[in-house]
Amino acid sequence: MQFDTYTYTIGAHFLPALINGDETGLSLEEQNALALFDANLPGAGHWSCGDADEFDFARCDVTDMMSAVVVCQYLVPIAA
């Protein structure tokens, strides 16, 4: 199986929500930003993220704000 790969820098605090759907620690504003980000992803796919304990300080693609981020790849299957 082949995948289209998209790379994003994601705030480390968003990872539980992206990967497991657990938005417990997010504010309503963060939940809304994540929902908008998710709605604009290129189709149904799977997340592959680096180690959340090894992060950089950079601009988060979800909020467009500086944050402790992890580089993640979003893998979308290519139809055969």
Protein backbone atom coordinates (compact mmCIF):
# COMPACT_ATOMS: atom_id res chain seq x y z
CA MET A 1 0.00 0.00 0.00
CA GLN A 2 1.27 3.46 -0.88
CA PHE A 3 0.54 6.72 0.89
CA ASP A 4 0.57 10.43 0.19
CA THR A 5 2.53 11.97 3.06
CA TYR A 6 1.86 15.41 4.54
CA THR A 7 4.15 16.88 7.21
CA TYR A 8 2.87 19.19 9.96
CA THR A 9 4.31 20.75 13.10
CA ILE A 10 1.73 20.12 15.81
CA GLY A 11 1.64 21.47 19.36
CA ALA A 12 2.55 18.56 21.64
CA HIS A 13 -0.56 19.19 23.76
CA PHE A 14 -2.76 18.43 20.70
CA LEU A 15 -1.38 14.89 20.22
CA PRO A 16 -3.82 13.07 22.55
CA ALA A 17 -6.73 14.69 20.72
CA LEU A 18 -5.34 13.97 17.23
CA ILE A 19 -4.29 10.41 17.88
CA ASN A 20 -6.84 9.18 20.45
CA GLY A 21 -9.68 11.72 20.23
CA ASP A 22 -9.04 12.81 23.85
CA GLU A 23 -9.69 16.58 24.04
CA THR A 24 -9.79 16.59 27.86
CA GLY A 25 -6.96 19.09 28.38
CA LEU A 26 -7.89 21.47 25.56
CA SER A 27 -9.70 24.77 25.96
CA LEU A 28 -12.81 25.41 23.87
CA GLU A 29 -10.76 27.72 21.64
CA GLU A 30 -8.16 24.97 21.11
CA GLN A 31 -10.90 22.41 20.39
CA ASN A 32 -12.37 24.74 17.75
CA ALA A 33 -8.94 25.34 16.17
CA LEU A 34 -8.30 21.59 16.08
CA ALA A 35 -11.71 20.91 14.51
CA LEU A 36 -10.99 23.45 11.76
CA PHE A 37 -7.53 21.98 11.18
CA ASP A 38 -8.98 18.45 11.06
CA ALA A 39 -11.69 19.51 8.60
CA ASN A 40 -9.00 20.73 6.19
CA LEU A 41 -6.88 17.56 6.21
CA PRO A 42 -6.54 15.88 2.80
CA GLY A 43 -8.87 12.91 3.34
CA ALA A 44 -9.02 10.00 5.76
CA GLY A 45 -5.59 9.00 6.97
CA HIS A 46 -3.32 7.99 9.83
CA TRP A 47 -0.98 10.04 12.04
CA SER A 48 2.67 9.18 12.57
CA CYS A 49 4.32 11.47 15.13
CA GLY A 50 7.74 11.82 16.60
CA ASP A 51 8.44 11.38 20.30
CA ALA A 52 6.39 13.94 22.28
CA ASP A 53 9.27 14.12 24.80
CA GLU A 54 11.55 15.40 22.02
CA PHE A 55 9.95 18.61 20.80
CA ASP A 56 11.04 21.88 19.25
CA PHE A 57 9.73 25.37 19.88
CA ALA A 58 8.16 26.53 16.62
CA ARG A 59 4.91 27.63 15.00
CA CYS A 60 2.05 25.14 15.42
CA ASP A 61 0.09 24.38 12.25
CA VAL A 62 -3.15 24.02 14.25
CA THR A 63 -3.15 27.45 15.92
CA ASP A 64 -0.46 29.34 13.97
CA MET A 65 1.07 30.25 17.33
CA MET A 66 4.49 29.46 18.78
CA SER A 67 4.43 26.31 20.88
CA ALA A 68 6.33 23.19 21.88
CA VAL A 69 5.76 21.19 18.69
CA VAL A 70 6.31 17.70 17.40
CA VAL A 71 6.82 16.98 13.70
CA CYS A 72 4.03 14.68 12.53
CA GLN A 73 3.22 13.05 9.24
CA TYR A 74 -0.31 12.47 8.03
CA LEU A 75 -0.49 9.43 5.76
CA VAL A 76 -3.36 9.15 3.29
CA PRO A 77 -3.71 5.87 1.34
CA ILE A 78 -3.45 6.22 -2.43
CA ALA A 79 -6.27 4.46 -4.24
CA ALA A 80 -4.98 1.68 -6.49
